[in-house]
Amino acid sequence: GDGVGGLGMKVRLEPDRCVGHAQCFAVDDVLFPVDDAGYSEVTVFEVTPENEDRVRRGVSACPEHALVIED
């Protein structure tokens, strides 16, 4: 690494919490894909610095806290 902090933030889904509100998808349909029923299809992904604000908005939009940020 180059010693810079704050890199490697990841998002993961807790599938048993997701009830298909698709609020994350409403924030960003590319970062937060959902299936036909509105359930999140997010797999663990690394957040790029330019996506960080949008990812935080998508995560905080979930009323069930199904999306988890791992710093």
PDB file of N, CA and C in Angstrom:
ATOM      1  N   GLY A   1       0.823  -1.211   0.000  1.00  0.00           N
ATOM      2  CA  GLY A   1       0.000   0.000   0.000  1.00  0.00           C
ATOM      3  C   GLY A   1       0.843   1.240   0.000  1.00  0.00           C
ATOM      4  N   ASP A   2       0.198   2.379  -0.163  1.00  0.00           N
ATOM      5  CA  ASP A   2       0.924   3.649  -0.164  1.00  0.00           C
ATOM      6  C   ASP A   2       0.765   4.411   1.149  1.00  0.00           C
ATOM      7  N   GLY A   3       0.162   3.750   2.139  1.00  0.00           N
ATOM      8  CA  GLY A   3       0.055   4.367   3.455  1.00  0.00           C
ATOM      9  C   GLY A   3      -1.071   5.365   3.595  1.00  0.00           C
ATOM     10  N   VAL A   4      -1.905   5.517   2.572  1.00  0.00           N
ATOM     11  CA  VAL A   4      -3.030   6.446   2.664  1.00  0.00           C
ATOM     12  C   VAL A   4      -4.201   5.755   3.344  1.00  0.00           C
ATOM     13  N   GLY A   5      -4.763   6.397   4.362  1.00  0.00           N
ATOM     14  CA  GLY A   5      -5.888   5.815   5.073  1.00  0.00           C
ATOM     15  C   GLY A   5      -7.181   6.014   4.309  1.00  0.00           C
ATOM     16  N   GLY A   6      -8.228   5.321   4.747  1.00  0.00           N
ATOM     17  CA  GLY A   6      -9.546   5.522   4.186  1.00  0.00           C
ATOM     18  C   GLY A   6      -9.831   4.769   2.905  1.00  0.00           C
ATOM     19  N   LEU A   7      -8.897   3.929   2.462  1.00  0.00           N
ATOM     20  CA  LEU A   7      -9.135   3.139   1.268  1.00  0.00           C
ATOM     21  C   LEU A   7      -9.731   1.790   1.656  1.00  0.00           C
ATOM     22  N   GLY A   8     -10.358   1.152   0.680  1.00  0.00           N
ATOM     23  CA  GLY A   8     -10.855  -0.197   0.912  1.00  0.00           C
ATOM     24  C   GLY A   8     -12.191  -0.265   1.612  1.00  0.00           C
ATOM     25  N   MET A   9     -12.966   0.807   1.598  1.00  0.00           N
ATOM     26  CA  MET A   9     -14.325   0.750   2.120  1.00  0.00           C
ATOM     27  C   MET A   9     -15.148  -0.204   1.261  1.00  0.00           C
ATOM     28  N   LYS A  10     -15.891  -1.077   1.912  1.00  0.00           N
ATOM     29  CA  LYS A  10     -16.698  -2.057   1.179  1.00  0.00           C
ATOM     30  C   LYS A  10     -18.151  -1.980   1.652  1.00  0.00           C
ATOM     31  N   VAL A  11     -19.030  -2.433   0.762  1.00  0.00           N
ATOM     32  CA  VAL A  11     -20.443  -2.555   1.101  1.00  0.00           C
ATOM     33  C   VAL A  11     -20.832  -4.010   0.931  1.00  0.00           C
ATOM     34  N   ARG A  12     -21.613  -4.522   1.882  1.00  0.00           N
ATOM     35  CA  ARG A  12     -22.152  -5.873   1.727  1.00  0.00           C
ATOM     36  C   ARG A  12     -23.633  -5.852   2.095  1.00  0.00           C
ATOM     37  N   LEU A  13     -24.314  -6.869   1.608  1.00  0.00           N
ATOM     38  CA  LEU A  13     -25.748  -7.014   1.843  1.00  0.00           C
ATOM     39  C   LEU A  13     -25.997  -8.057   2.917  1.00  0.00           C
ATOM     40  N   GLU A  14     -26.928  -7.756   3.828  1.00  0.00           N
ATOM     41  CA  GLU A  14     -27.471  -8.755   4.753  1.00  0.00           C
ATOM     42  C   GLU A  14     -28.798  -9.217   4.143  1.00  0.00           C
ATOM     43  N   PRO A  15     -28.773 -10.321   3.361  1.00  0.00           N
ATOM     44  CA  PRO A  15     -29.957 -10.679   2.568  1.00  0.00           C
ATOM     45  C   PRO A  15     -31.207 -10.929   3.401  1.00  0.00           C
ATOM     46  N   ASP A  16     -31.036 -11.430   4.618  1.00  0.00           N
ATOM     47  CA  ASP A  16     -32.208 -11.734   5.437  1.00  0.00           C
ATOM     48  C   ASP A  16     -32.904 -10.470   5.947  1.00  0.00           C
ATOM     49  N   ARG A  17     -32.248  -9.306   5.833  1.00  0.00           N
ATOM     50  CA  ARG A  17     -32.869  -8.055   6.251  1.00  0.00           C
ATOM     51  C   ARG A  17     -33.597  -7.361   5.109  1.00  0.00           C
ATOM     52  N   CYS A  18     -33.237  -7.719   3.878  1.00  0.00           N
ATOM     53  CA  CYS A  18     -33.794  -7.014   2.729  1.00  0.00           C
ATOM     54  C   CYS A  18     -35.229  -7.459   2.493  1.00  0.00           C
ATOM     55  N   VAL A  19     -36.155  -6.490   2.422  1.00  0.00           N
ATOM     56  CA  VAL A  19     -37.565  -6.816   2.187  1.00  0.00           C
ATOM     57  C   VAL A  19     -38.077  -6.209   0.890  1.00  0.00           C
ATOM     58  N   GLY A  20     -37.166  -5.715   0.045  1.00  0.00           N
ATOM     59  CA  GLY A  20     -37.549  -5.313  -1.294  1.00  0.00           C
ATOM     60  C   GLY A  20     -38.088  -3.904  -1.447  1.00  0.00           C
ATOM     61  N   HIS A  21     -37.725  -2.995  -0.525  1.00  0.00           N
ATOM     62  CA  HIS A  21     -38.144  -1.603  -0.685  1.00  0.00           C
ATOM     63  C   HIS A  21     -37.485  -0.926  -1.891  1.00  0.00           C
ATOM     64  N   ALA A  22     -36.290  -1.400  -2.255  1.00  0.00           N
ATOM     65  CA  ALA A  22     -35.526  -0.851  -3.379  1.00  0.00           C
ATOM     66  C   ALA A  22     -35.192   0.627  -3.213  1.00  0.00           C
ATOM     67  N   GLN A  23     -35.039   1.070  -1.964  1.00  0.00           N
ATOM     68  CA  GLN A  23     -34.645   2.453  -1.730  1.00  0.00           C
ATOM     69  C   GLN A  23     -33.204   2.701  -2.157  1.00  0.00           C
ATOM     70  N   CYS A  24     -32.363   1.681  -2.022  1.00  0.00           N
ATOM     71  CA  CYS A  24     -30.978   1.806  -2.475  1.00  0.00           C
ATOM     72  C   CYS A  24     -30.932   1.979  -3.991  1.00  0.00           C
ATOM     73  N   PHE A  25     -31.739   1.190  -4.689  1.00  0.00           N
ATOM     74  CA  PHE A  25     -31.833   1.243  -6.153  1.00  0.00           C
ATOM     75  C   PHE A  25     -32.289   2.629  -6.614  1.00  0.00           C
ATOM     76  N   ALA A  26     -33.179   3.244  -5.837  1.00  0.00           N
ATOM     77  CA  ALA A  26     -33.658   4.585  -6.179  1.00  0.00           C
ATOM     78  C   ALA A  26     -32.530   5.617  -6.109  1.00  0.00           C
ATOM     79  N   VAL A  27     -31.551   5.369  -5.231  1.00  0.00           N
ATOM     80  CA  VAL A  27     -30.402   6.273  -5.133  1.00  0.00           C
ATOM     81  C   VAL A  27     -29.449   6.057  -6.301  1.00  0.00           C
ATOM     82  N   ASP A  28     -29.139   4.800  -6.597  1.00  0.00           N
ATOM     83  CA  ASP A  28     -28.237   4.507  -7.714  1.00  0.00           C
ATOM     84  C   ASP A  28     -28.505   3.097  -8.223  1.00  0.00           C
ATOM     85  N   ASP A  29     -29.034   3.011  -9.449  1.00  0.00           N
ATOM     86  CA  ASP A  29     -29.437   1.712  -9.972  1.00  0.00           C
ATOM     87  C   ASP A  29     -28.268   0.883 -10.485  1.00  0.00           C
ATOM     88  N   VAL A  30     -27.091   1.503 -10.604  1.00  0.00           N
ATOM     89  CA  VAL A  30     -25.904   0.760 -11.029  1.00  0.00           C
ATOM     90  C   VAL A  30     -25.179   0.180  -9.817  1.00  0.00           C
ATOM     91  N   LEU A  31     -25.002   0.990  -8.785  1.00  0.00           N
ATOM     92  CA  LEU A  31     -24.317   0.519  -7.582  1.00  0.00           C
ATOM     93  C   LEU A  31     -25.173  -0.464  -6.803  1.00  0.00           C
ATOM     94  N   PHE A  32     -26.491  -0.300  -6.871  1.00  0.00           N
ATOM     95  CA  PHE A  32     -27.399  -1.101  -6.050  1.00  0.00           C
ATOM     96  C   PHE A  32     -28.442  -1.808  -6.915  1.00  0.00           C
ATOM     97  N   PRO A  33     -28.024  -2.821  -7.674  1.00  0.00           N
ATOM     98  CA  PRO A  33     -28.984  -3.533  -8.527  1.00  0.00           C
ATOM     99  C   PRO A  33     -29.991  -4.315  -7.689  1.00  0.00           C
ATOM    100  N   VAL A  34     -31.198  -4.447  -8.220  1.00  0.00           N
ATOM    101  CA  VAL A  34     -32.235  -5.251  -7.564  1.00  0.00           C
ATOM    102  C   VAL A  34     -32.842  -6.215  -8.580  1.00  0.00           C
ATOM    103  N   ASP A  35     -33.505  -7.245  -8.062  1.00  0.00           N
ATOM    104  CA  ASP A  35     -34.180  -8.191  -8.940  1.00  0.00           C
ATOM    105  C   ASP A  35     -35.583  -7.679  -9.284  1.00  0.00           C
ATOM    106  N   ASP A  36     -36.357  -8.498  -9.992  1.00  0.00           N
ATOM    107  CA  ASP A  36     -37.672  -8.055 -10.459  1.00  0.00           C
ATOM    108  C   ASP A  36     -38.629  -7.742  -9.310  1.00  0.00           C
ATOM    109  N   ALA A  37     -38.385  -8.325  -8.149  1.00  0.00           N
ATOM    110  CA  ALA A  37     -39.252  -8.101  -6.991  1.00  0.00           C
ATOM    111  C   ALA A  37     -38.780  -6.937  -6.126  1.00  0.00           C
ATOM    112  N   GLY A  38     -37.643  -6.327  -6.500  1.00  0.00           N
ATOM    113  CA  GLY A  38     -37.125  -5.201  -5.729  1.00  0.00           C
ATOM    114  C   GLY A  38     -36.103  -5.579  -4.680  1.00  0.00           C
ATOM    115  N   TYR A  39     -35.765  -6.863  -4.606  1.00  0.00           N
ATOM    116  CA  TYR A  39     -34.773  -7.292  -3.619  1.00  0.00           C
ATOM    117  C   TYR A  39     -33.368  -7.005  -4.114  1.00  0.00           C
ATOM    118  N   SER A  40     -32.516  -6.535  -3.211  1.00  0.00           N
ATOM    119  CA  SER A  40     -31.156  -6.171  -3.579  1.00  0.00           C
ATOM    120  C   SER A  40     -30.371  -7.373  -4.070  1.00  0.00           C
ATOM    121  N   GLU A  41     -29.603  -7.154  -5.123  1.00  0.00           N
ATOM    122  CA  GLU A  41     -28.687  -8.172  -5.624  1.00  0.00           C
ATOM    123  C   GLU A  41     -27.240  -7.744  -5.409  1.00  0.00           C
ATOM    124  N   VAL A  42     -27.024  -6.859  -4.456  1.00  0.00           N
ATOM    125  CA  VAL A  42     -25.669  -6.406  -4.167  1.00  0.00           C
ATOM    126  C   VAL A  42     -24.837  -7.571  -3.661  1.00  0.00           C
ATOM    127  N   THR A  43     -23.651  -7.731  -4.247  1.00  0.00           N
ATOM    128  CA  THR A  43     -22.648  -8.599  -3.665  1.00  0.00           C
ATOM    129  C   THR A  43     -21.606  -7.653  -3.061  1.00  0.00           C
ATOM    130  N   VAL A  44     -20.724  -8.171  -2.234  1.00  0.00           N
ATOM    131  CA  VAL A  44     -19.723  -7.313  -1.614  1.00  0.00           C
ATOM    132  C   VAL A  44     -18.948  -6.590  -2.702  1.00  0.00           C
ATOM    133  N   PHE A  45     -18.865  -5.266  -2.597  1.00  0.00           N
ATOM    134  CA  PHE A  45     -18.077  -4.537  -3.576  1.00  0.00           C
ATOM    135  C   PHE A  45     -17.273  -3.434  -2.912  1.00  0.00           C
ATOM    136  N   GLU A  46     -16.145  -3.127  -3.524  1.00  0.00           N
ATOM    137  CA  GLU A  46     -15.271  -2.081  -3.023  1.00  0.00           C
ATOM    138  C   GLU A  46     -15.739  -0.741  -3.562  1.00  0.00           C
ATOM    139  N   VAL A  47     -15.778   0.233  -2.674  1.00  0.00           N
ATOM    140  CA  VAL A  47     -16.279   1.554  -3.022  1.00  0.00           C
ATOM    141  C   VAL A  47     -15.123   2.423  -3.491  1.00  0.00           C
ATOM    142  N   THR A  48     -15.267   3.009  -4.664  1.00  0.00           N
ATOM    143  CA  THR A  48     -14.241   3.934  -5.138  1.00  0.00           C
ATOM    144  C   THR A  48     -14.483   5.296  -4.514  1.00  0.00           C
ATOM    145  N   PRO A  49     -13.424   6.096  -4.363  1.00  0.00           N
ATOM    146  CA  PRO A  49     -13.592   7.402  -3.699  1.00  0.00           C
ATOM    147  C   PRO A  49     -14.667   8.265  -4.345  1.00  0.00           C
ATOM    148  N   GLU A  50     -14.770   8.219  -5.666  1.00  0.00           N
ATOM    149  CA  GLU A  50     -15.756   9.067  -6.327  1.00  0.00           C
ATOM    150  C   GLU A  50     -17.187   8.582  -6.098  1.00  0.00           C
ATOM    151  N   ASN A  51     -17.342   7.320  -5.694  1.00  0.00           N
ATOM    152  CA  ASN A  51     -18.678   6.772  -5.426  1.00  0.00           C
ATOM    153  C   ASN A  51     -19.080   6.845  -3.959  1.00  0.00           C
ATOM    154  N   GLU A  52     -18.159   7.277  -3.095  1.00  0.00           N
ATOM    155  CA  GLU A  52     -18.381   7.123  -1.663  1.00  0.00           C
ATOM    156  C   GLU A  52     -19.641   7.834  -1.170  1.00  0.00           C
ATOM    157  N   ASP A  53     -19.848   9.084  -1.600  1.00  0.00           N
ATOM    158  CA  ASP A  53     -21.021   9.822  -1.127  1.00  0.00           C
ATOM    159  C   ASP A  53     -22.313   9.145  -1.551  1.00  0.00           C
ATOM    160  N   ARG A  54     -22.356   8.703  -2.817  1.00  0.00           N
ATOM    161  CA  ARG A  54     -23.567   8.066  -3.321  1.00  0.00           C
ATOM    162  C   ARG A  54     -23.811   6.733  -2.633  1.00  0.00           C
ATOM    163  N   VAL A  55     -22.726   6.000  -2.370  1.00  0.00           N
ATOM    164  CA  VAL A  55     -22.865   4.719  -1.671  1.00  0.00           C
ATOM    165  C   VAL A  55     -23.415   4.949  -0.264  1.00  0.00           C
ATOM    166  N   ARG A  56     -22.882   5.950   0.435  1.00  0.00           N
ATOM    167  CA  ARG A  56     -23.383   6.231   1.784  1.00  0.00           C
ATOM    168  C   ARG A  56     -24.860   6.619   1.755  1.00  0.00           C
ATOM    169  N   ARG A  57     -25.261   7.362   0.729  1.00  0.00           N
ATOM    170  CA  ARG A  57     -26.679   7.720   0.598  1.00  0.00           C
ATOM    171  C   ARG A  57     -27.536   6.483   0.360  1.00  0.00           C
ATOM    172  N   GLY A  58     -27.065   5.597  -0.521  1.00  0.00           N
ATOM    173  CA  GLY A  58     -27.820   4.380  -0.805  1.00  0.00           C
ATOM    174  C   GLY A  58     -27.944   3.486   0.411  1.00  0.00           C
ATOM    175  N   VAL A  59     -26.860   3.364   1.159  1.00  0.00           N
ATOM    176  CA  VAL A  59     -26.867   2.539   2.367  1.00  0.00           C
ATOM    177  C   VAL A  59     -27.812   3.132   3.413  1.00  0.00           C
ATOM    178  N   SER A  60     -27.734   4.447   3.594  1.00  0.00           N
ATOM    179  CA  SER A  60     -28.581   5.076   4.618  1.00  0.00           C
ATOM    180  C   SER A  60     -30.040   5.139   4.188  1.00  0.00           C
ATOM    181  N   ALA A  61     -30.309   4.975   2.883  1.00  0.00           N
ATOM    182  CA  ALA A  61     -31.689   4.994   2.404  1.00  0.00           C
ATOM    183  C   ALA A  61     -32.447   3.725   2.768  1.00  0.00           C
ATOM    184  N   CYS A  62     -31.728   2.662   3.111  1.00  0.00           N
ATOM    185  CA  CYS A  62     -32.393   1.385   3.391  1.00  0.00           C
ATOM    186  C   CYS A  62     -33.065   1.413   4.762  1.00  0.00           C
ATOM    187  N   PRO A  63     -34.409   1.307   4.795  1.00  0.00           N
ATOM    188  CA  PRO A  63     -35.095   1.346   6.096  1.00  0.00           C
ATOM    189  C   PRO A  63     -34.843   0.108   6.949  1.00  0.00           C
ATOM    190  N   GLU A  64     -34.379  -0.964   6.320  1.00  0.00           N
ATOM    191  CA  GLU A  64     -34.150  -2.215   7.055  1.00  0.00           C
ATOM    192  C   GLU A  64     -32.682  -2.414   7.441  1.00  0.00           C
ATOM    193  N   HIS A  65     -31.815  -1.471   7.100  1.00  0.00           N
ATOM    194  CA  HIS A  65     -30.377  -1.580   7.370  1.00  0.00           C
ATOM    195  C   HIS A  65     -29.800  -2.875   6.796  1.00  0.00           C
ATOM    196  N   ALA A  66     -30.267  -3.228   5.581  1.00  0.00           N
ATOM    197  CA  ALA A  66     -29.785  -4.456   4.957  1.00  0.00           C
ATOM    198  C   ALA A  66     -28.416  -4.282   4.321  1.00  0.00           C
ATOM    199  N   LEU A  67     -28.031  -3.036   4.085  1.00  0.00           N
ATOM    200  CA  LEU A  67     -26.717  -2.749   3.495  1.00  0.00           C
ATOM    201  C   LEU A  67     -25.783  -2.265   4.597  1.00  0.00           C
ATOM    202  N   VAL A  68     -24.584  -2.823   4.614  1.00  0.00           N
ATOM    203  CA  VAL A  68     -23.618  -2.557   5.677  1.00  0.00           C
ATOM    204  C   VAL A  68     -22.329  -2.057   5.069  1.00  0.00           C
ATOM    205  N   ILE A  69     -21.826  -0.943   5.600  1.00  0.00           N
ATOM    206  CA  ILE A  69     -20.527  -0.429   5.166  1.00  0.00           C
ATOM    207  C   ILE A  69     -19.456  -1.012   6.067  1.00  0.00           C
ATOM    208  N   GLU A  70     -18.410  -1.554   5.437  1.00  0.00           N
ATOM    209  CA  GLU A  70     -17.252  -2.064   6.176  1.00  0.00           C
ATOM    210  C   GLU A  70     -16.068  -1.179   5.814  1.00  0.00           C
ATOM    211  N   ASP A  71     -15.641  -0.386   6.767  1.00  0.00           N
ATOM    212  CA  ASP A  71     -14.514   0.518   6.503  1.00  0.00           C
ATOM    213  C   ASP A  71     -13.196  -0.232   6.592  1.00  0.00           C
TER     214      ASP A  71
END
